[in-house]
């Protein structure tokens, strides 16, 4: 499980925030076949927390997938990663 705190600098309203997050979450799910959802900070325009989950029987594969997801998010330019936490169950 990867939990990421994001800053959405372009968001000037909750509508902008929803648009930016929906686009990012859809691209992540389609590109990496991961489960992804908003998990916190829903009432703040320029902040969001998302959770990304990967299921695999290989811990190295999970690490690789989550690092790829993180690199993808950082490369998009629409959000800034404030912090992230990775947990393997």
N, C-alpha and C. Protein backbone atom coordinates (compact mmCIF):
# COMPACT_ATOMS: atom_id res chain seq x y z
N UNK A 1 0.85 -1.17 0.00
CA UNK A 1 0.00 0.00 0.00
C UNK A 1 0.89 1.23 0.00
N UNK A 2 0.58 2.16 -0.87
CA UNK A 2 1.30 3.43 -0.96
C UNK A 2 0.31 4.54 -0.67
N UNK A 3 0.60 5.37 0.31
CA UNK A 3 -0.23 6.52 0.64
C UNK A 3 0.57 7.76 0.30
N UNK A 4 -0.03 8.66 -0.49
CA UNK A 4 0.68 9.83 -0.98
C UNK A 4 -0.11 11.09 -0.65
N UNK A 5 0.56 12.05 -0.02
CA UNK A 5 -0.01 13.37 0.23
C UNK A 5 0.39 14.27 -0.92
N UNK A 6 -0.59 14.92 -1.53
CA UNK A 6 -0.35 15.73 -2.73
C UNK A 6 -0.75 17.18 -2.52
N UNK A 7 -0.04 18.06 -3.21
CA UNK A 7 -0.42 19.47 -3.31
C UNK A 7 -0.88 19.70 -4.74
N UNK A 8 -2.08 20.24 -4.91
CA UNK A 8 -2.65 20.51 -6.23
C UNK A 8 -2.60 22.02 -6.47
N UNK A 9 -1.47 22.50 -6.93
CA UNK A 9 -1.24 23.93 -7.08
C UNK A 9 -2.16 24.61 -8.06
N UNK A 10 -2.64 23.89 -9.07
CA UNK A 10 -3.49 24.47 -10.10
C UNK A 10 -4.95 24.59 -9.66
N UNK A 11 -5.33 23.90 -8.60
CA UNK A 11 -6.73 23.88 -8.17
C UNK A 11 -7.12 25.19 -7.52
N UNK A 12 -8.14 25.84 -8.08
CA UNK A 12 -8.66 27.08 -7.53
C UNK A 12 -10.05 26.90 -6.94
N UNK A 13 -10.58 25.68 -7.06
CA UNK A 13 -11.91 25.38 -6.53
C UNK A 13 -12.01 23.88 -6.32
N UNK A 14 -13.06 23.45 -5.65
CA UNK A 14 -13.26 22.01 -5.48
C UNK A 14 -13.51 21.33 -6.82
N UNK A 15 -14.12 22.05 -7.76
CA UNK A 15 -14.34 21.50 -9.10
C UNK A 15 -13.00 21.23 -9.80
N UNK A 16 -12.06 22.17 -9.71
CA UNK A 16 -10.72 21.95 -10.27
C UNK A 16 -10.05 20.76 -9.61
N UNK A 17 -10.18 20.69 -8.29
CA UNK A 17 -9.57 19.60 -7.53
C UNK A 17 -10.09 18.25 -8.01
N UNK A 18 -11.42 18.14 -8.15
CA UNK A 18 -12.02 16.88 -8.61
C UNK A 18 -11.54 16.51 -10.01
N UNK A 19 -11.45 17.50 -10.90
CA UNK A 19 -10.99 17.26 -12.27
C UNK A 19 -9.56 16.73 -12.29
N UNK A 20 -8.68 17.38 -11.55
CA UNK A 20 -7.26 16.98 -11.51
C UNK A 20 -7.12 15.58 -10.93
N UNK A 21 -7.78 15.32 -9.81
CA UNK A 21 -7.67 14.01 -9.16
C UNK A 21 -8.29 12.90 -10.01
N UNK A 22 -9.46 13.15 -10.58
CA UNK A 22 -10.11 12.12 -11.39
C UNK A 22 -9.22 11.72 -12.56
N UNK A 23 -8.62 12.70 -13.21
CA UNK A 23 -7.73 12.42 -14.34
C UNK A 23 -6.53 11.59 -13.89
N UNK A 24 -5.90 11.99 -12.79
CA UNK A 24 -4.72 11.28 -12.29
C UNK A 24 -5.07 9.85 -11.87
N UNK A 25 -6.15 9.68 -11.12
CA UNK A 25 -6.53 8.36 -10.64
C UNK A 25 -6.90 7.43 -11.79
N UNK A 26 -7.58 7.95 -12.79
CA UNK A 26 -7.95 7.14 -13.96
C UNK A 26 -6.71 6.69 -14.71
N UNK A 27 -5.77 7.61 -14.94
CA UNK A 27 -4.54 7.26 -15.65
C UNK A 27 -3.72 6.23 -14.88
N UNK A 28 -3.64 6.37 -13.57
CA UNK A 28 -2.90 5.39 -12.76
C UNK A 28 -3.53 4.01 -12.85
N UNK A 29 -4.84 3.94 -12.69
CA UNK A 29 -5.52 2.65 -12.74
C UNK A 29 -5.38 1.97 -14.09
N UNK A 30 -5.49 2.74 -15.16
CA UNK A 30 -5.39 2.17 -16.51
C UNK A 30 -3.96 1.77 -16.86
N UNK A 31 -3.01 2.60 -16.51
CA UNK A 31 -1.62 2.37 -16.91
C UNK A 31 -0.96 1.24 -16.12
N UNK A 32 -1.23 1.17 -14.82
CA UNK A 32 -0.52 0.22 -13.95
C UNK A 32 -1.39 -0.90 -13.41
N UNK A 33 -2.68 -0.90 -13.70
CA UNK A 33 -3.59 -1.93 -13.20
C UNK A 33 -3.49 -2.06 -11.68
N UNK A 34 -3.57 -0.92 -11.00
CA UNK A 34 -3.55 -0.87 -9.55
C UNK A 34 -4.90 -0.34 -9.06
N UNK A 35 -5.18 -0.58 -7.80
CA UNK A 35 -6.36 0.01 -7.18
C UNK A 35 -5.93 1.34 -6.57
N UNK A 36 -6.66 2.39 -6.89
CA UNK A 36 -6.28 3.72 -6.42
C UNK A 36 -7.54 4.49 -6.04
N UNK A 37 -7.46 5.23 -4.93
CA UNK A 37 -8.61 6.00 -4.47
C UNK A 37 -8.15 7.17 -3.61
N UNK A 38 -8.98 8.19 -3.58
CA UNK A 38 -8.72 9.30 -2.67
C UNK A 38 -9.03 8.82 -1.26
N UNK A 39 -8.13 9.11 -0.32
CA UNK A 39 -8.33 8.58 1.03
C UNK A 39 -8.34 9.65 2.12
N UNK A 40 -8.16 10.91 1.76
CA UNK A 40 -8.18 11.94 2.80
C UNK A 40 -8.06 13.34 2.25
N UNK A 41 -8.20 14.33 3.13
CA UNK A 41 -8.11 15.75 2.79
C UNK A 41 -9.15 16.16 1.75
N UNK A 42 -10.32 15.57 1.79
CA UNK A 42 -11.36 15.84 0.81
C UNK A 42 -11.96 17.23 0.85
N UNK A 43 -11.74 17.95 1.93
CA UNK A 43 -12.34 19.27 2.06
C UNK A 43 -11.37 20.41 1.76
N UNK A 44 -10.15 20.08 1.38
CA UNK A 44 -9.14 21.10 1.08
C UNK A 44 -8.94 21.20 -0.43
N UNK A 45 -9.00 22.40 -1.00
CA UNK A 45 -8.90 22.58 -2.45
C UNK A 45 -7.57 22.12 -3.01
N UNK A 46 -6.49 22.46 -2.34
CA UNK A 46 -5.17 22.22 -2.92
C UNK A 46 -4.42 21.07 -2.26
N UNK A 47 -5.09 20.24 -1.50
CA UNK A 47 -4.45 19.09 -0.87
C UNK A 47 -5.29 17.85 -1.14
N UNK A 48 -4.60 16.73 -1.24
CA UNK A 48 -5.29 15.45 -1.41
C UNK A 48 -4.40 14.35 -0.87
N UNK A 49 -5.03 13.29 -0.43
CA UNK A 49 -4.31 12.09 -0.04
C UNK A 49 -4.90 10.95 -0.86
N UNK A 50 -4.03 10.20 -1.52
CA UNK A 50 -4.50 9.05 -2.30
C UNK A 50 -3.82 7.79 -1.80
N UNK A 51 -4.50 6.68 -1.97
CA UNK A 51 -3.96 5.37 -1.63
C UNK A 51 -3.88 4.52 -2.88
N UNK A 52 -2.76 3.81 -3.01
CA UNK A 52 -2.54 2.93 -4.16
C UNK A 52 -2.25 1.53 -3.61
N UNK A 53 -2.98 0.53 -4.11
CA UNK A 53 -2.79 -0.83 -3.63
C UNK A 53 -2.43 -1.76 -4.79
N UNK A 54 -1.49 -2.66 -4.52
CA UNK A 54 -1.06 -3.67 -5.48
C UNK A 54 -1.11 -5.02 -4.78
N UNK A 55 -1.62 -6.02 -5.45
CA UNK A 55 -1.65 -7.37 -4.90
C UNK A 55 -0.73 -8.24 -5.73
N UNK A 56 0.20 -8.93 -5.04
CA UNK A 56 1.14 -9.81 -5.72
C UNK A 56 1.72 -10.78 -4.70
N UNK A 57 2.21 -11.91 -5.18
CA UNK A 57 2.88 -12.85 -4.29
C UNK A 57 4.38 -12.58 -4.23
N UNK A 58 4.84 -11.50 -4.88
CA UNK A 58 6.25 -11.15 -4.93
C UNK A 58 6.47 -9.75 -4.35
N UNK A 59 7.14 -9.68 -3.21
CA UNK A 59 7.42 -8.38 -2.59
C UNK A 59 8.24 -7.48 -3.50
N UNK A 60 9.28 -7.99 -4.17
CA UNK A 60 10.03 -7.11 -5.08
C UNK A 60 9.16 -6.53 -6.20
N UNK A 61 8.21 -7.31 -6.70
CA UNK A 61 7.31 -6.81 -7.74
C UNK A 61 6.43 -5.69 -7.20
N UNK A 62 5.94 -5.84 -5.98
CA UNK A 62 5.12 -4.79 -5.36
C UNK A 62 5.93 -3.51 -5.21
N UNK A 63 7.16 -3.62 -4.70
CA UNK A 63 8.02 -2.44 -4.57
C UNK A 63 8.23 -1.77 -5.92
N UNK A 64 8.54 -2.56 -6.94
CA UNK A 64 8.78 -2.01 -8.28
C UNK A 64 7.55 -1.27 -8.81
N UNK A 65 6.39 -1.88 -8.67
CA UNK A 65 5.16 -1.25 -9.15
C UNK A 65 4.88 0.06 -8.43
N UNK A 66 5.02 0.06 -7.11
CA UNK A 66 4.73 1.27 -6.34
C UNK A 66 5.73 2.38 -6.64
N UNK A 67 7.00 2.03 -6.85
CA UNK A 67 7.99 3.04 -7.23
C UNK A 67 7.69 3.60 -8.62
N UNK A 68 7.23 2.75 -9.54
CA UNK A 68 6.85 3.23 -10.87
C UNK A 68 5.66 4.18 -10.78
N UNK A 69 4.68 3.85 -9.96
CA UNK A 69 3.52 4.72 -9.76
C UNK A 69 3.98 6.07 -9.21
N UNK A 70 4.88 6.04 -8.23
CA UNK A 70 5.38 7.28 -7.64
C UNK A 70 6.10 8.13 -8.68
N UNK A 71 6.95 7.52 -9.49
CA UNK A 71 7.66 8.27 -10.55
C UNK A 71 6.68 8.87 -11.54
N UNK A 72 5.65 8.12 -11.90
CA UNK A 72 4.64 8.62 -12.83
C UNK A 72 3.94 9.85 -12.26
N UNK A 73 3.53 9.78 -11.01
CA UNK A 73 2.85 10.91 -10.38
C UNK A 73 3.75 12.14 -10.37
N UNK A 74 5.01 11.95 -10.00
CA UNK A 74 5.95 13.07 -9.94
C UNK A 74 6.21 13.67 -11.31
N UNK A 75 6.10 12.88 -12.36
CA UNK A 75 6.41 13.37 -13.71
C UNK A 75 5.24 14.11 -14.36
N UNK A 76 4.06 14.06 -13.78
CA UNK A 76 2.87 14.63 -14.41
C UNK A 76 2.84 16.15 -14.41
N UNK A 77 3.38 16.78 -13.38
CA UNK A 77 3.40 18.24 -13.34
C UNK A 77 2.13 18.89 -12.85
N UNK A 78 1.05 18.15 -12.69
CA UNK A 78 -0.21 18.73 -12.21
C UNK A 78 -0.31 18.69 -10.69
N UNK A 79 0.51 17.86 -10.06
CA UNK A 79 0.52 17.74 -8.60
C UNK A 79 1.96 17.70 -8.10
N UNK A 80 2.14 18.04 -6.83
CA UNK A 80 3.44 17.94 -6.18
C UNK A 80 3.30 16.98 -5.01
N UNK A 81 4.23 16.03 -4.91
CA UNK A 81 4.20 15.07 -3.81
C UNK A 81 4.77 15.75 -2.56
N UNK A 82 3.97 15.80 -1.51
CA UNK A 82 4.40 16.37 -0.24
C UNK A 82 5.09 15.30 0.60
N UNK A 83 4.45 14.13 0.67
CA UNK A 83 5.04 13.01 1.41
C UNK A 83 4.42 11.71 0.90
N UNK A 84 5.09 10.61 1.22
CA UNK A 84 4.56 9.30 0.84
C UNK A 84 4.96 8.28 1.89
N UNK A 85 4.13 7.27 2.02
CA UNK A 85 4.38 6.18 2.95
C UNK A 85 4.06 4.86 2.25
N UNK A 86 4.99 3.91 2.34
CA UNK A 86 4.77 2.60 1.74
C UNK A 86 4.67 1.57 2.85
N UNK A 87 3.69 0.68 2.70
CA UNK A 87 3.49 -0.37 3.69
C UNK A 87 3.23 -1.68 2.95
N UNK A 88 3.99 -2.70 3.30
CA UNK A 88 3.80 -4.03 2.71
C UNK A 88 3.13 -4.90 3.76
N UNK A 89 2.00 -5.49 3.40
CA UNK A 89 1.25 -6.34 4.34
C UNK A 89 1.49 -7.79 4.06
